[in-house]
Amino acid sequence: MLNKTSPRIPLETFDDFDNGLSELIDLWSSAAAKSAKEAALTQFKEDLDAAILKWIDNRAKSKKYAVIGEELAEFEEALSQG
């Protein structure tokens, strides 16, 4: 999760990613420093990549994480468009 007051806790479960993506979008909508926003985005992507690799042999879980990846791609597309 995106926790501003304590060390970063890696995202692991589907619910972590679902909630984390919402928090990431909220963070980007806030007045937080751009460096904090970029760091959170990078951390989210790293955790998602690790989860995808972990569950690559589990079709059901792979599909769930692929959906999060698609939502993240849509978010990044929106960021690039301003």
N, C-alpha and C. Protein backbone atom coordinates (compact mmCIF):
# COMPACT_ATOMS: atom_id res chain seq x y z
N MET A 1 0.82 -1.18 0.00
CA MET A 1 0.00 0.00 0.00
C MET A 1 0.88 1.25 0.00
N LEU A 2 0.27 2.32 -0.38
CA LEU A 2 0.98 3.59 -0.40
C LEU A 2 0.85 4.24 0.97
N ASN A 3 1.86 4.04 1.78
CA ASN A 3 1.83 4.55 3.14
C ASN A 3 2.89 5.63 3.27
N LYS A 4 2.47 6.83 3.58
CA LYS A 4 3.38 7.96 3.61
C LYS A 4 4.14 8.09 4.93
N THR A 5 3.72 7.36 5.97
CA THR A 5 4.32 7.56 7.29
C THR A 5 5.24 6.43 7.74
N SER A 6 5.23 5.31 7.06
CA SER A 6 6.07 4.19 7.47
C SER A 6 6.73 3.57 6.25
N PRO A 7 7.66 2.64 6.47
CA PRO A 7 8.32 2.01 5.31
C PRO A 7 7.31 1.38 4.36
N ARG A 8 7.66 1.35 3.13
CA ARG A 8 6.77 0.82 2.08
C ARG A 8 6.52 -0.66 2.30
N ILE A 9 5.26 -1.04 2.17
CA ILE A 9 4.85 -2.43 2.26
C ILE A 9 4.54 -2.89 0.84
N PRO A 10 5.28 -3.86 0.32
CA PRO A 10 5.03 -4.31 -1.05
C PRO A 10 3.60 -4.83 -1.22
N LEU A 11 3.03 -4.55 -2.36
CA LEU A 11 1.70 -5.05 -2.69
C LEU A 11 1.83 -6.52 -3.06
N GLU A 12 0.92 -7.35 -2.58
CA GLU A 12 1.02 -8.78 -2.85
C GLU A 12 -0.28 -9.39 -3.34
N THR A 13 -1.39 -9.05 -2.72
CA THR A 13 -2.66 -9.68 -3.09
C THR A 13 -3.38 -8.84 -4.14
N PHE A 14 -4.37 -9.47 -4.76
CA PHE A 14 -5.17 -8.74 -5.75
C PHE A 14 -5.84 -7.53 -5.10
N ASP A 15 -6.36 -7.70 -3.89
CA ASP A 15 -6.99 -6.57 -3.19
C ASP A 15 -5.99 -5.46 -2.92
N ASP A 16 -4.74 -5.82 -2.58
CA ASP A 16 -3.69 -4.81 -2.40
C ASP A 16 -3.53 -3.98 -3.67
N PHE A 17 -3.49 -4.67 -4.81
CA PHE A 17 -3.31 -3.96 -6.08
C PHE A 17 -4.53 -3.14 -6.45
N ASP A 18 -5.70 -3.68 -6.23
CA ASP A 18 -6.93 -2.96 -6.55
C ASP A 18 -7.01 -1.68 -5.72
N ASN A 19 -6.79 -1.80 -4.42
CA ASN A 19 -6.81 -0.64 -3.55
C ASN A 19 -5.63 0.29 -3.83
N GLY A 20 -4.48 -0.31 -4.11
CA GLY A 20 -3.27 0.48 -4.38
C GLY A 20 -3.41 1.32 -5.63
N LEU A 21 -4.07 0.79 -6.66
CA LEU A 21 -4.27 1.56 -7.88
C LEU A 21 -5.18 2.76 -7.60
N SER A 22 -6.20 2.55 -6.81
CA SER A 22 -7.08 3.66 -6.43
C SER A 22 -6.30 4.72 -5.66
N GLU A 23 -5.46 4.27 -4.74
CA GLU A 23 -4.64 5.20 -3.96
C GLU A 23 -3.65 5.93 -4.86
N LEU A 24 -3.10 5.23 -5.83
CA LEU A 24 -2.16 5.84 -6.76
C LEU A 24 -2.84 6.94 -7.57
N ILE A 25 -4.03 6.66 -8.04
CA ILE A 25 -4.79 7.65 -8.80
C ILE A 25 -5.11 8.85 -7.92
N ASP A 26 -5.50 8.60 -6.68
CA ASP A 26 -5.77 9.70 -5.75
C ASP A 26 -4.51 10.52 -5.50
N LEU A 27 -3.39 9.85 -5.36
CA LEU A 27 -2.12 10.55 -5.14
C LEU A 27 -1.81 11.48 -6.31
N TRP A 28 -1.99 10.99 -7.53
CA TRP A 28 -1.70 11.80 -8.71
C TRP A 28 -2.68 12.97 -8.84
N SER A 29 -3.84 12.86 -8.22
CA SER A 29 -4.82 13.94 -8.25
C SER A 29 -4.56 14.96 -7.15
N SER A 30 -3.65 14.65 -6.27
CA SER A 30 -3.37 15.51 -5.12
C SER A 30 -2.28 16.52 -5.44
N ALA A 31 -1.96 17.32 -4.44
CA ALA A 31 -0.91 18.33 -4.59
C ALA A 31 0.46 17.79 -4.15
N ALA A 32 0.59 16.47 -4.04
CA ALA A 32 1.86 15.87 -3.63
C ALA A 32 2.96 16.20 -4.64
N ALA A 33 4.18 16.14 -4.17
CA ALA A 33 5.34 16.43 -5.04
C ALA A 33 5.40 15.43 -6.18
N LYS A 34 5.82 15.91 -7.34
CA LYS A 34 5.91 15.05 -8.51
C LYS A 34 6.84 13.87 -8.26
N SER A 35 7.91 14.09 -7.51
CA SER A 35 8.85 13.00 -7.23
C SER A 35 8.17 11.89 -6.41
N ALA A 36 7.30 12.27 -5.48
CA ALA A 36 6.57 11.27 -4.69
C ALA A 36 5.60 10.50 -5.57
N LYS A 37 4.95 11.20 -6.48
CA LYS A 37 4.01 10.56 -7.40
C LYS A 37 4.74 9.57 -8.30
N GLU A 38 5.86 9.99 -8.85
CA GLU A 38 6.63 9.11 -9.74
C GLU A 38 7.18 7.91 -9.00
N ALA A 39 7.64 8.12 -7.76
CA ALA A 39 8.15 7.00 -6.95
C ALA A 39 7.05 5.99 -6.66
N ALA A 40 5.86 6.47 -6.34
CA ALA A 40 4.75 5.57 -6.06
C ALA A 40 4.36 4.79 -7.31
N LEU A 41 4.37 5.44 -8.46
CA LEU A 41 4.05 4.76 -9.71
C LEU A 41 5.09 3.69 -10.02
N THR A 42 6.35 4.01 -9.84
CA THR A 42 7.42 3.05 -10.08
C THR A 42 7.30 1.85 -9.15
N GLN A 43 7.05 2.11 -7.87
CA GLN A 43 6.90 1.02 -6.90
C GLN A 43 5.71 0.14 -7.25
N PHE A 44 4.60 0.76 -7.65
CA PHE A 44 3.42 -0.01 -8.01
C PHE A 44 3.73 -0.92 -9.19
N LYS A 45 4.40 -0.39 -10.19
CA LYS A 45 4.73 -1.18 -11.38
C LYS A 45 5.68 -2.32 -11.04
N GLU A 46 6.66 -2.06 -10.18
CA GLU A 46 7.60 -3.11 -9.77
C GLU A 46 6.86 -4.23 -9.04
N ASP A 47 5.97 -3.87 -8.13
CA ASP A 47 5.21 -4.88 -7.39
C ASP A 47 4.31 -5.67 -8.33
N LEU A 48 3.68 -4.99 -9.29
CA LEU A 48 2.80 -5.66 -10.24
C LEU A 48 3.59 -6.63 -11.11
N ASP A 49 4.76 -6.21 -11.56
CA ASP A 49 5.61 -7.11 -12.35
C ASP A 49 5.98 -8.36 -11.56
N ALA A 50 6.31 -8.17 -10.28
CA ALA A 50 6.67 -9.31 -9.43
C ALA A 50 5.47 -10.24 -9.25
N ALA A 51 4.28 -9.69 -9.06
CA ALA A 51 3.08 -10.51 -8.89
C ALA A 51 2.77 -11.29 -10.16
N ILE A 52 2.93 -10.64 -11.29
CA ILE A 52 2.66 -11.32 -12.57
C ILE A 52 3.61 -12.50 -12.74
N LEU A 53 4.88 -12.29 -12.42
CA LEU A 53 5.85 -13.39 -12.52
C LEU A 53 5.52 -14.51 -11.52
N LYS A 54 5.09 -14.14 -10.34
CA LYS A 54 4.78 -15.13 -9.31
C LYS A 54 3.62 -16.02 -9.74
N TRP A 55 2.64 -15.45 -10.42
CA TRP A 55 1.42 -16.18 -10.75
C TRP A 55 1.32 -16.55 -12.22
N ILE A 56 2.43 -16.53 -12.93
CA ILE A 56 2.41 -16.80 -14.37
C ILE A 56 1.84 -18.17 -14.71
N ASP A 57 2.01 -19.14 -13.83
CA ASP A 57 1.51 -20.49 -14.10
C ASP A 57 0.09 -20.73 -13.59
N ASN A 58 -0.52 -19.72 -13.00
CA ASN A 58 -1.88 -19.84 -12.48
C ASN A 58 -2.78 -18.96 -13.35
N ARG A 59 -3.50 -19.59 -14.26
CA ARG A 59 -4.29 -18.85 -15.26
C ARG A 59 -5.28 -17.89 -14.62
N ALA A 60 -5.99 -18.32 -13.61
CA ALA A 60 -7.01 -17.47 -12.98
C ALA A 60 -6.39 -16.22 -12.37
N LYS A 61 -5.31 -16.43 -11.60
CA LYS A 61 -4.66 -15.28 -10.98
C LYS A 61 -3.99 -14.40 -12.02
N SER A 62 -3.41 -15.00 -13.05
CA SER A 62 -2.77 -14.23 -14.11
C SER A 62 -3.76 -13.28 -14.77
N LYS A 63 -4.97 -13.76 -15.01
CA LYS A 63 -6.00 -12.92 -15.63
C LYS A 63 -6.37 -11.76 -14.73
N LYS A 64 -6.47 -12.01 -13.43
CA LYS A 64 -6.82 -10.93 -12.50
C LYS A 64 -5.75 -9.85 -12.50
N TYR A 65 -4.49 -10.27 -12.48
CA TYR A 65 -3.42 -9.28 -12.46
C TYR A 65 -3.28 -8.58 -13.81
N ALA A 66 -3.64 -9.27 -14.89
CA ALA A 66 -3.62 -8.64 -16.21
C ALA A 66 -4.64 -7.50 -16.27
N VAL A 67 -5.77 -7.68 -15.61
CA VAL A 67 -6.78 -6.62 -15.56
C VAL A 67 -6.21 -5.38 -14.86
N ILE A 68 -5.52 -5.59 -13.76
CA ILE A 68 -4.88 -4.46 -13.06
C ILE A 68 -3.87 -3.80 -13.99
N GLY A 69 -3.09 -4.60 -14.72
CA GLY A 69 -2.12 -4.06 -15.67
C GLY A 69 -2.78 -3.21 -16.75
N GLU A 70 -3.95 -3.66 -17.23
CA GLU A 70 -4.68 -2.89 -18.24
C GLU A 70 -5.17 -1.57 -17.66
N GLU A 71 -5.67 -1.61 -16.44
CA GLU A 71 -6.13 -0.38 -15.79
C GLU A 71 -4.96 0.58 -15.56
N LEU A 72 -3.81 0.03 -15.19
CA LEU A 72 -2.62 0.85 -15.01
C LEU A 72 -2.20 1.49 -16.33
N ALA A 73 -2.26 0.74 -17.41
CA ALA A 73 -1.91 1.27 -18.72
C ALA A 73 -2.85 2.41 -19.12
N GLU A 74 -4.14 2.26 -18.84
CA GLU A 74 -5.10 3.32 -19.11
C GLU A 74 -4.78 4.57 -18.29
N PHE A 75 -4.41 4.37 -17.04
CA PHE A 75 -4.04 5.48 -16.16
C PHE A 75 -2.80 6.19 -16.70
N GLU A 76 -1.79 5.41 -17.09
CA GLU A 76 -0.57 6.02 -17.63
C GLU A 76 -0.85 6.75 -18.95
N GLU A 77 -1.75 6.23 -19.75
CA GLU A 77 -2.15 6.90 -21.00
C GLU A 77 -2.80 8.24 -20.67
N ALA A 78 -3.65 8.25 -19.67
CA ALA A 78 -4.30 9.51 -19.25
C ALA A 78 -3.27 10.50 -18.74
N LEU A 79 -2.26 10.02 -18.02
CA LEU A 79 -1.20 10.90 -17.54
C LEU A 79 -0.43 11.51 -18.70
N SER A 80 -0.15 10.71 -19.70
CA SER A 80 0.64 11.21 -20.83
C SER A 80 -0.14 12.22 -21.67
N GLN A 81 -1.46 12.16 -21.61
CA GLN A 81 -2.29 13.10 -22.36
C GLN A 81 -2.54 14.39 -21.60
N GLY A 82 -2.08 14.41 -20.37
CA GLY A 82 -2.21 15.64 -19.59
C GLY A 82 -3.35 15.58 -18.69
